[in-house]
Protein backbone atom coordinates (compact mmCIF):
# COMPACT_ATOMS: atom_id res chain seq x y z
CA MET A 1 -77.51 94.93 11.74
CA PRO A 2 -75.84 98.38 11.55
CA GLU A 3 -77.87 101.36 10.46
CA ASN A 4 -74.94 102.70 8.43
CA VAL A 5 -72.24 100.88 6.46
CA LEU A 6 -69.15 102.28 4.74
CA ILE A 7 -67.18 100.23 2.22
CA HIS A 8 -63.97 102.16 1.72
CA ASP A 9 -61.30 102.19 -0.98
CA ALA A 10 -62.91 99.55 -3.22
CA THR A 11 -62.86 98.87 -6.95
CA ILE A 12 -66.50 99.54 -7.87
CA VAL A 13 -68.41 98.22 -10.89
CA THR A 14 -71.30 100.69 -10.88
CA MET A 15 -73.40 99.29 -13.78
CA ASP A 16 -74.55 102.90 -14.15
CA LYS A 17 -74.88 103.52 -17.90
CA GLU A 18 -75.29 107.24 -17.29
CA ASN A 19 -71.85 107.37 -15.70
CA GLU A 20 -69.00 107.68 -18.18
CA GLN A 21 -66.87 105.42 -15.99
CA ASN A 22 -68.39 102.06 -15.14
CA ILE A 23 -65.30 101.06 -13.14
CA ILE A 24 -64.23 103.48 -10.43
CA ARG A 25 -62.25 103.49 -7.23
CA GLY A 26 -64.06 104.86 -4.22
CA ASN A 27 -66.09 104.57 -1.03
CA ILE A 28 -69.72 103.42 -0.86
CA HIS A 29 -71.94 104.95 1.83
CA ILE A 30 -75.01 102.97 2.91
CA SER A 31 -77.76 104.14 5.25
CA ASN A 32 -81.01 102.39 6.18
CA GLY A 33 -80.72 99.95 3.29
CA TRP A 34 -79.96 102.51 0.59
CA ILE A 35 -76.81 103.64 -1.20
CA THR A 36 -76.56 107.31 -0.24
CA ASN A 37 -73.22 108.40 -1.67
CA ILE A 38 -70.10 107.31 -3.54
CA SER A 39 -67.08 109.35 -2.51
CA PRO A 40 -63.45 109.49 -3.74
CA PRO A 41 -61.15 106.66 -2.63
CA GLY A 42 -59.37 106.68 0.67
CA SER A 43 -59.22 105.10 4.10
CA ALA A 44 -62.22 105.16 6.39
CA GLU A 45 -60.61 107.93 8.43
CA SER A 46 -60.40 110.18 5.37
CA CYS A 47 -64.11 109.97 4.53
CA PRO A 48 -65.66 113.35 5.34
CA ASP A 49 -68.87 112.21 7.01
CA VAL A 50 -67.83 109.11 8.95
CA ALA A 51 -67.03 110.99 12.13
CA ASN A 52 -70.54 112.43 12.14
CA ILE A 53 -72.36 109.12 11.70
CA ASN A 54 -73.21 106.96 14.68
CA ASN A 55 -73.18 103.17 14.41
CA THR A 56 -71.22 103.07 11.15
CA TYR A 57 -69.89 99.63 10.26
CA LEU A 58 -66.63 99.78 8.27
CA ILE A 59 -65.68 97.32 5.54
CA ASP A 60 -62.20 97.44 4.01
CA GLY A 61 -62.68 97.24 0.27
CA THR A 62 -59.05 97.43 -0.82
CA GLY A 63 -58.93 93.80 -1.94
CA LEU A 64 -62.47 93.66 -3.32
CA ILE A 65 -64.37 94.29 -6.52
CA ILE A 66 -67.74 95.63 -5.37
CA MET A 67 -70.63 95.23 -7.80
CA PRO A 68 -74.43 94.89 -7.70
CA GLY A 69 -75.62 91.52 -6.52
CA MET A 70 -76.66 89.00 -9.16
CA VAL A 71 -80.37 88.85 -10.06
CA ASN A 72 -81.58 85.31 -10.83
CA THR A 73 -84.72 85.82 -12.90
CA HIS A 74 -86.02 82.25 -12.98
CA GLY A 75 -85.82 79.25 -10.70
CA HIS A 76 -87.45 76.70 -8.44
CA SER A 77 -85.37 76.89 -5.29
CA SER A 78 -86.79 73.86 -3.48
CA MET A 79 -85.63 71.62 -6.32
CA SER A 80 -82.14 71.78 -4.85
CA LEU A 81 -83.28 68.62 -3.04
CA PHE A 82 -83.31 66.85 -6.44
CA ARG A 83 -79.81 67.95 -7.47
CA GLY A 84 -78.10 65.08 -9.30
CA TYR A 85 -81.11 62.76 -8.99
CA ALA A 86 -82.41 62.94 -12.56
CA ASP A 87 -79.49 63.78 -14.81
CA ASP A 88 -78.96 63.05 -18.51
CA LEU A 89 -82.58 62.29 -19.33
CA PRO A 90 -84.91 63.68 -22.04
CA LEU A 91 -87.24 66.37 -20.68
CA MET A 92 -90.52 64.43 -20.58
CA LYS A 93 -88.88 61.32 -19.12
CA TRP A 94 -87.06 63.60 -16.66
CA LEU A 95 -90.41 65.04 -15.60
CA LYS A 96 -92.70 62.01 -15.68
CA LYS A 97 -90.36 59.32 -14.36
CA ARG A 98 -88.19 61.23 -11.92
CA ILE A 99 -89.33 64.74 -10.96
CA TRP A 100 -93.13 64.61 -10.80
CA PRO A 101 -93.22 61.45 -8.62
CA LEU A 102 -90.97 63.17 -6.07
CA GLU A 103 -92.93 66.41 -6.19
CA PHE A 104 -96.11 64.55 -5.21
CA LYS A 105 -94.30 63.50 -2.02
CA LEU A 106 -93.03 66.98 -1.05
CA THR A 107 -94.07 68.33 2.34
CA PRO A 108 -93.98 71.96 3.51
CA LYS A 109 -90.90 71.05 5.56
CA ASP A 110 -89.16 69.80 2.40
CA ILE A 111 -89.97 73.04 0.60
CA TYR A 112 -88.54 75.11 3.45
CA TRP A 113 -85.24 73.23 3.76
CA GLY A 114 -84.80 72.93 -0.01
CA THR A 115 -85.26 76.68 -0.30
CA MET A 116 -82.84 77.36 2.55
CA LEU A 117 -80.26 75.15 0.85
CA SER A 118 -80.63 77.17 -2.35
CA ILE A 119 -80.43 80.42 -0.41
CA VAL A 120 -77.13 79.36 1.16
CA GLU A 121 -75.79 78.59 -2.31
CA MET A 122 -77.08 81.86 -3.74
CA ILE A 123 -75.61 83.99 -0.95
CA ARG A 124 -72.28 82.23 -1.31
CA SER A 125 -72.21 82.68 -5.10
CA GLY A 126 -73.30 86.31 -5.25
CA THR A 127 -77.04 86.26 -5.91
CA THR A 128 -79.02 88.82 -3.91
CA THR A 129 -82.41 88.68 -5.71
CA PHE A 130 -84.16 85.64 -7.13
CA ALA A 131 -87.46 84.73 -8.77
CA ASP A 132 -89.20 81.54 -7.73
CA MET A 133 -92.23 79.58 -8.88
CA TYR A 134 -93.22 76.42 -7.02
CA PHE A 135 -95.58 74.95 -4.40
CA ASN A 136 -96.12 75.78 -0.71
CA MET A 137 -94.68 79.20 -1.41
CA ASP A 138 -95.41 80.40 2.11
CA GLN A 139 -92.48 78.21 3.12
CA VAL A 140 -90.29 79.86 0.49
CA ALA A 141 -91.37 83.28 1.72
CA THR A 142 -90.52 82.30 5.30
CA ALA A 143 -87.03 81.25 4.21
CA VAL A 144 -86.56 84.53 2.36
CA GLN A 145 -87.68 86.54 5.36
CA GLU A 146 -85.42 84.68 7.79
CA SER A 147 -82.32 84.72 5.58
CA GLY A 148 -82.43 88.36 4.44
CA MET A 149 -82.69 87.60 0.71
CA ARG A 150 -84.77 89.56 -1.80
CA ALA A 151 -87.26 87.59 -3.94
CA VAL A 152 -90.12 87.67 -6.42
CA LEU A 153 -92.36 84.72 -5.60
CA SER A 154 -95.29 83.02 -7.28
CA GLN A 155 -97.34 79.95 -6.52
CA SER A 156 -97.26 77.59 -9.48
CA MET A 157 -100.78 77.61 -10.93
CA ALA A 158 -102.14 74.77 -13.03
CA GLY A 159 -105.51 74.55 -14.72
CA VAL A 160 -105.69 70.77 -14.69
CA ILE A 161 -108.20 68.67 -12.78
CA GLY A 162 -107.36 68.53 -9.08
CA MET A 163 -105.11 71.57 -9.22
CA LYS A 164 -107.40 74.38 -10.43
CA THR A 165 -108.95 75.31 -7.10
CA ILE A 166 -105.93 74.38 -4.94
CA SER A 167 -103.39 76.49 -6.82
CA TYR A 168 -105.80 79.42 -7.20
CA ARG A 169 -106.62 79.52 -3.49
CA ALA A 170 -102.94 79.12 -2.54
CA THR A 171 -102.09 82.08 -4.79
CA ARG A 172 -104.69 84.33 -3.18
CA SER A 173 -103.45 83.36 0.27
CA LEU A 174 -99.83 84.04 -0.72
CA ILE A 175 -100.74 87.53 -1.94
CA GLU A 176 -102.71 88.36 1.19
CA ASN A 177 -100.06 87.12 3.62
CA TRP A 178 -96.76 87.99 1.97
CA GLN A 179 -97.06 90.87 -0.49
CA GLY A 180 -94.46 93.48 0.55
CA ALA A 181 -93.29 91.45 3.55
CA ALA A 182 -89.76 91.30 4.95
CA ASN A 183 -89.33 95.08 4.85
CA GLY A 184 -90.45 95.10 1.23
CA ARG A 185 -87.96 92.44 0.11
CA ILE A 186 -90.74 90.07 -1.01
CA LYS A 187 -92.91 90.68 -4.07
CA ILE A 188 -95.71 88.30 -4.99
CA ILE A 189 -96.72 87.84 -8.62
CA LEU A 190 -98.91 85.29 -10.41
CA GLY A 191 -97.39 82.08 -11.75
CA PRO A 192 -99.49 80.20 -14.32
CA HIS A 193 -97.13 77.37 -15.17
CA ALA A 194 -97.36 77.17 -18.98
CA VAL A 195 -99.84 77.01 -21.85
CA TYR A 196 -99.77 73.19 -21.75
CA THR A 197 -100.83 73.09 -18.09
CA CYS A 198 -103.11 76.15 -18.14
CA PRO A 199 -105.89 76.02 -20.76
CA PRO A 200 -107.18 79.33 -22.20
CA ASP A 201 -110.22 79.48 -19.89
CA TYR A 202 -108.00 79.07 -16.84
CA LEU A 203 -105.54 81.70 -18.10
CA LYS A 204 -108.46 84.13 -18.44
CA LYS A 205 -109.27 83.49 -14.78
CA VAL A 206 -105.63 84.22 -13.89
CA LEU A 207 -105.84 87.47 -15.87
CA ARG A 208 -108.89 88.55 -13.89
CA LEU A 209 -106.96 87.98 -10.67
CA ALA A 210 -103.98 89.93 -12.05
CA ASP A 211 -106.27 92.86 -12.81
CA LYS A 212 -107.98 92.68 -9.43
CA LYS A 213 -104.72 92.55 -7.47
CA ASP A 214 -102.77 94.73 -9.94
CA ILE A 215 -99.75 92.42 -10.01
CA PRO A 216 -97.51 90.99 -12.77
CA ILE A 217 -97.33 87.45 -14.15
CA GLN A 218 -94.54 84.98 -14.88
CA ILE A 219 -94.97 81.92 -17.09
CA HIS A 220 -92.87 79.28 -18.89
CA VAL A 221 -93.03 79.94 -22.65
CA SER A 222 -91.79 77.97 -25.69
CA GLU A 223 -89.25 76.00 -23.69
CA THR A 224 -89.24 73.01 -26.04
CA ARG A 225 -90.01 72.37 -29.69
CA ARG A 226 -92.62 69.82 -28.62
CA GLU A 227 -94.45 72.49 -26.58
CA VAL A 228 -94.61 74.78 -29.62
CA ASP A 229 -95.72 71.99 -31.98
CA ASN A 230 -98.49 70.87 -29.61
CA CYS A 231 -99.72 74.43 -29.21
CA LEU A 232 -99.81 74.89 -32.98
CA TYR A 233 -101.74 71.62 -33.31
CA LYS A 234 -104.33 72.48 -30.63
CA HIS A 235 -104.76 76.22 -31.20
CA GLY A 236 -103.19 77.05 -34.55
CA LEU A 237 -100.93 79.52 -32.71
CA THR A 238 -97.49 79.50 -31.14
CA PRO A 239 -97.44 79.85 -27.32
CA VAL A 240 -96.45 83.51 -27.70
CA GLU A 241 -99.29 84.14 -30.15
CA LEU A 242 -101.77 82.31 -27.93
CA LEU A 243 -100.84 84.37 -24.87
CA GLU A 244 -101.11 87.57 -26.87
CA SER A 245 -104.52 86.56 -28.22
CA LEU A 246 -105.77 86.02 -24.65
CA GLY A 247 -104.68 89.51 -23.62
CA LEU A 248 -101.87 88.34 -21.33
CA PHE A 249 -99.36 90.73 -22.88
CA GLU A 250 -101.44 93.76 -21.97
CA ARG A 251 -100.09 93.21 -18.44
CA GLN A 252 -96.58 93.15 -16.99
CA VAL A 253 -95.26 89.70 -17.87
CA LEU A 254 -92.05 87.73 -17.48
CA CYS A 255 -91.62 84.80 -19.87
CA ALA A 256 -89.15 82.09 -18.88
CA HIS A 257 -86.99 80.24 -21.42
CA CYS A 258 -88.34 81.33 -24.84
CA VAL A 259 -86.03 78.88 -26.61
CA HIS A 260 -88.14 78.22 -29.70
CA LEU A 261 -89.38 81.55 -31.04
CA THR A 262 -90.34 82.56 -34.54
CA ASP A 263 -89.26 85.94 -35.87
CA GLU A 264 -92.88 87.02 -35.45
CA ASP A 265 -92.81 85.88 -31.81
CA ILE A 266 -89.71 87.97 -31.18
CA GLN A 267 -91.24 91.09 -32.69
CA LEU A 268 -94.43 90.56 -30.69
CA LEU A 269 -92.53 90.23 -27.40
CA ALA A 270 -90.56 93.38 -28.22
CA GLN A 271 -93.65 95.38 -29.18
CA LYS A 272 -95.45 94.39 -25.98
CA ASN A 273 -92.37 95.11 -23.80
CA ILE A 274 -92.33 91.58 -22.38
CA GLY A 275 -89.32 90.48 -20.29
CA VAL A 276 -87.56 87.19 -20.95
CA ALA A 277 -85.61 85.08 -18.45
CA HIS A 278 -82.81 83.32 -20.35
CA ASN A 279 -81.66 80.02 -18.78
CA PRO A 280 -78.70 78.85 -20.89
CA THR A 281 -77.39 76.01 -18.70
CA SER A 282 -80.77 74.42 -18.01
CA ASN A 283 -81.82 74.74 -21.65
CA LEU A 284 -78.68 72.90 -22.76
CA LYS A 285 -78.72 70.24 -20.05
CA LEU A 286 -82.33 69.27 -20.78
CA GLY A 287 -81.66 69.28 -24.52
CA ALA A 288 -84.28 71.97 -25.04
CA GLY A 289 -82.12 73.96 -27.42
CA ILE A 290 -80.44 77.36 -27.62
CA ALA A 291 -82.52 80.51 -27.29
CA PRO A 292 -82.13 83.17 -30.05
CA VAL A 293 -80.62 85.69 -27.64
CA ALA A 294 -78.83 87.78 -30.28
CA LYS A 295 -82.11 88.28 -32.16
CA MET A 296 -83.96 89.14 -28.97
CA LEU A 297 -81.36 91.72 -27.99
CA GLU A 298 -81.42 93.22 -31.46
CA ALA A 299 -85.20 93.52 -31.23
CA GLY A 300 -84.91 95.34 -27.91
CA ILE A 301 -86.44 92.69 -25.66
CA GLY A 302 -85.63 93.05 -21.96
CA LEU A 303 -83.48 90.07 -21.06
CA GLY A 304 -82.33 88.69 -17.73
CA LEU A 305 -80.52 85.51 -16.73
CA GLY A 306 -81.75 82.59 -14.67
CA THR A 307 -80.44 79.28 -13.43
CA ASP A 308 -83.75 77.40 -13.35
CA GLY A 309 -83.92 74.76 -10.60
CA ALA A 310 -80.89 72.85 -9.35
CA ALA A 311 -82.40 69.64 -10.71
CA SER A 312 -81.74 70.84 -14.25
CA ASN A 313 -78.57 72.89 -13.89
CA ASN A 314 -77.11 71.61 -11.34
CA ASN A 315 -75.95 74.73 -9.52
CA LEU A 316 -77.19 78.27 -8.93
CA ASP A 317 -74.00 80.10 -9.92
CA MET A 318 -75.03 83.18 -11.90
CA PHE A 319 -71.42 83.84 -12.94
CA GLN A 320 -71.62 80.54 -14.82
CA GLU A 321 -74.83 81.70 -16.51
CA MET A 322 -73.20 84.98 -17.60
CA HIS A 323 -70.22 83.06 -18.97
CA LEU A 324 -72.34 80.64 -20.98
CA ALA A 325 -74.75 83.35 -22.13
CA THR A 326 -71.89 85.20 -23.82
CA LEU A 327 -70.37 82.13 -25.48
CA LEU A 328 -73.49 80.60 -27.04
CA PRO A 329 -74.33 83.51 -29.38
CA LYS A 330 -70.69 83.86 -30.42
CA GLY A 331 -70.44 80.19 -31.34
CA ASN A 332 -73.89 79.97 -32.93
CA GLY A 333 -73.37 83.12 -34.97
CA GLU A 334 -69.69 82.46 -35.66
CA ASN A 335 -69.13 86.03 -34.52
CA PRO A 336 -66.99 86.80 -31.42
CA SER A 337 -68.44 90.31 -31.21
CA LEU A 338 -71.93 89.07 -30.33
CA MET A 339 -72.97 89.43 -26.68
CA PRO A 340 -70.05 91.40 -25.18
CA ALA A 341 -69.17 90.83 -21.54
CA GLN A 342 -70.73 94.17 -20.55
CA VAL A 343 -74.12 93.08 -21.91
CA ALA A 344 -73.98 89.81 -19.95
CA LEU A 345 -73.19 91.79 -16.79
CA GLU A 346 -76.20 94.01 -17.45
CA MET A 347 -78.42 90.95 -17.90
CA GLY A 348 -77.13 89.54 -14.63
CA THR A 349 -77.77 92.75 -12.70
CA PHE A 350 -80.00 95.73 -13.54
CA ARG A 351 -81.61 94.29 -16.68
CA GLY A 352 -82.63 91.26 -14.64
CA ALA A 353 -83.96 93.51 -11.90
CA GLU A 354 -86.01 95.49 -14.41
CA ILE A 355 -87.79 92.42 -15.80
CA LEU A 356 -88.50 91.39 -12.18
CA PHE A 357 -90.27 94.73 -11.78
CA TRP A 358 -87.60 96.21 -9.47
CA ASP A 359 -86.38 99.58 -10.74
CA ASP A 360 -84.14 100.44 -7.78
CA VAL A 361 -82.01 97.27 -7.75
CA GLY A 362 -78.99 96.30 -9.84
CA LYS A 363 -76.70 99.33 -9.77
CA VAL A 364 -74.15 100.80 -7.38
CA LYS A 365 -75.64 104.25 -7.43
CA PRO A 366 -77.11 106.68 -4.88
CA GLY A 367 -80.85 106.12 -4.62
CA TYR A 368 -80.55 102.37 -5.29
CA ARG A 369 -81.05 99.56 -2.81
CA ALA A 370 -77.84 98.49 -1.10
CA ASP A 371 -77.73 95.01 -2.64
CA LEU A 372 -74.01 94.51 -3.20
CA ILE A 373 -71.44 91.74 -3.44
CA GLY A 374 -67.68 91.78 -3.03
CA ILE A 375 -65.36 89.59 -5.09
CA ASN A 376 -61.80 88.80 -4.02
CA LYS A 377 -59.70 90.30 -6.79
CA SER A 378 -56.38 88.90 -5.51
CA LEU A 379 -56.74 85.53 -7.20
CA PRO A 380 -54.58 83.94 -9.92
CA HIS A 381 -57.44 83.62 -12.42
CA LEU A 382 -58.28 87.32 -12.01
CA THR A 383 -54.66 88.46 -12.52
CA PRO A 384 -53.65 90.71 -14.27
CA LEU A 385 -56.78 92.86 -13.99
CA HIS A 386 -56.76 94.32 -17.52
CA GLN A 387 -60.54 94.41 -18.00
CA VAL A 388 -62.72 94.07 -14.91
CA GLU A 389 -65.94 93.38 -16.86
CA SER A 390 -64.27 90.67 -18.94
CA HIS A 391 -62.77 89.01 -15.87
CA LEU A 392 -66.14 88.94 -14.11
CA VAL A 393 -67.80 87.21 -17.06
CA TYR A 394 -65.02 85.05 -18.52
CA SER A 395 -62.84 84.25 -15.49
CA ALA A 396 -64.71 84.70 -12.20
CA SER A 397 -67.01 82.23 -10.48
CA GLY A 398 -69.42 82.38 -7.60
CA ALA A 399 -66.74 80.84 -5.38
CA ASP A 400 -64.82 84.14 -5.57
CA VAL A 401 -67.55 86.05 -3.70
CA GLU A 402 -66.61 86.99 -0.12
CA LEU A 403 -69.13 89.71 0.76
CA SER A 404 -72.91 89.89 0.39
CA ILE A 405 -75.09 92.82 1.45
CA ILE A 406 -78.85 92.95 0.87
CA ASP A 407 -80.99 95.93 1.81
CA GLY A 408 -77.99 97.26 3.71
CA ASN A 409 -77.76 94.12 5.87
CA ILE A 410 -74.57 92.05 5.80
CA LEU A 411 -75.41 88.43 4.99
CA MET A 412 -71.84 87.25 4.38
CA GLU A 413 -68.49 88.80 5.23
CA LYS A 414 -65.06 87.32 4.53
CA GLY A 415 -66.84 84.20 3.30
CA LYS A 416 -68.74 83.61 6.54
CA LEU A 417 -72.54 83.43 6.47
CA LEU A 418 -74.10 85.60 9.17
CA THR A 419 -77.88 85.12 8.93
CA VAL A 420 -78.30 81.35 8.49
CA ASP A 421 -76.86 78.17 9.99
CA GLU A 422 -75.22 76.58 6.95
CA GLU A 423 -74.31 73.29 8.62
CA LYS A 424 -77.83 72.71 9.98
CA ILE A 425 -79.42 73.58 6.63
CA MET A 426 -77.28 71.07 4.73
CA TYR A 427 -78.02 68.38 7.35
CA GLU A 428 -81.78 68.95 7.15
CA ALA A 429 -81.75 69.13 3.34
CA ASP A 430 -79.87 65.82 3.18
CA ALA A 431 -82.47 64.23 5.46
CA CYS A 432 -85.35 65.53 3.30
CA ALA A 433 -83.71 64.32 0.07
CA SER A 434 -83.00 60.89 1.54
CA ARG A 435 -86.62 60.45 2.60
CA LEU A 436 -87.99 61.60 -0.77
CA THR A 437 -85.77 59.45 -2.95
CA GLY A 438 -85.18 56.47 -0.69
CA HIS A 439 -81.47 56.90 -1.32
CA LYS A 440 -78.98 56.98 1.52
CA ILE A 441 -77.03 60.19 1.00
CA ILE A 442 -73.31 59.51 0.49
CA ILE A 443 -71.22 61.07 3.26
């Protein structure tokens, strides 16, 4: 990969709130994985420092909208193998009858190829950073390292019989072997699954490990009404209140879903500066409900967007998540001014990065990581280009992405993947899915 990259004469969505102009025309200078400068527009030859830089790779940005890569704050990448296998079912039937039986059969090889399949989809649709919680996470980390992606990974931890020791030991091993790996592109955090799979005593053990290793936590919270009702019955507290009572919110924490929150829950999350991963498509498809996003934003909660796993979505297109995230509050509140396109873009980029504990990702700005995507702006559904932010949220899709750069490395250019073998990955993923389900994959 080149040491230096210059994207010249592009339309740039900076996502820099300190800059009066979010949309500018210019050149982006990248060196050793970092954005070093943004200069006035012009051809490569007109850039003042190009002639003095050795090994500079030039990218013509005249037909592109360059923006920060999408940050997917919640998912289970290996579940791409289950895409379309368990659709249109209630959550508990979905889990008990379809998903859990397959998960018991998963091998490390399945985890690797399922993750690689998701990575191909994410690169193609503009995601450059993703959060993942699942099993055999060393395989996920290997896929991240090989592909060039950036990720926040956690071993799913469960405090139930048969899983307590296994998941705890796997977590410690993951931290020791992968923390800061892949040139710093991999972060390991703790992943207690949820309050209904992790009893209070087990969560206290997780907290001790968090303190010892000084790392954050992610956990599923208040995803369904049933989860909240059961927690109230067993503990007399909502899941948010229970986690707070155990001291979890004295640490850095990311809560996934948060669909069924009381007003008191929302204020508590805001006071404790807890991040929330909003998964609109998955929440709707599983019939979990609609998260009170407008209330959370008003309270000042840090919000990002996530796709969840491909078994409950069924794709990993973050442009789709931005689109849906803006529409739900408008329809629910009967107010078209709720959740403007700019806010959805922030949730999909730097706000998502912030709740994933990455403060130098999510903006096109000197001093930030060079995690960028390029969108073909010469398309009928993006014409005329009156409002770039609105088009990205209301009109664009992941299929419009042609360029992906992560840590200064080019993973896709002109729609061609450069770091992974897409055809082989799809072949291997099909073979894994066929073995797991017993279904012959339709060709």
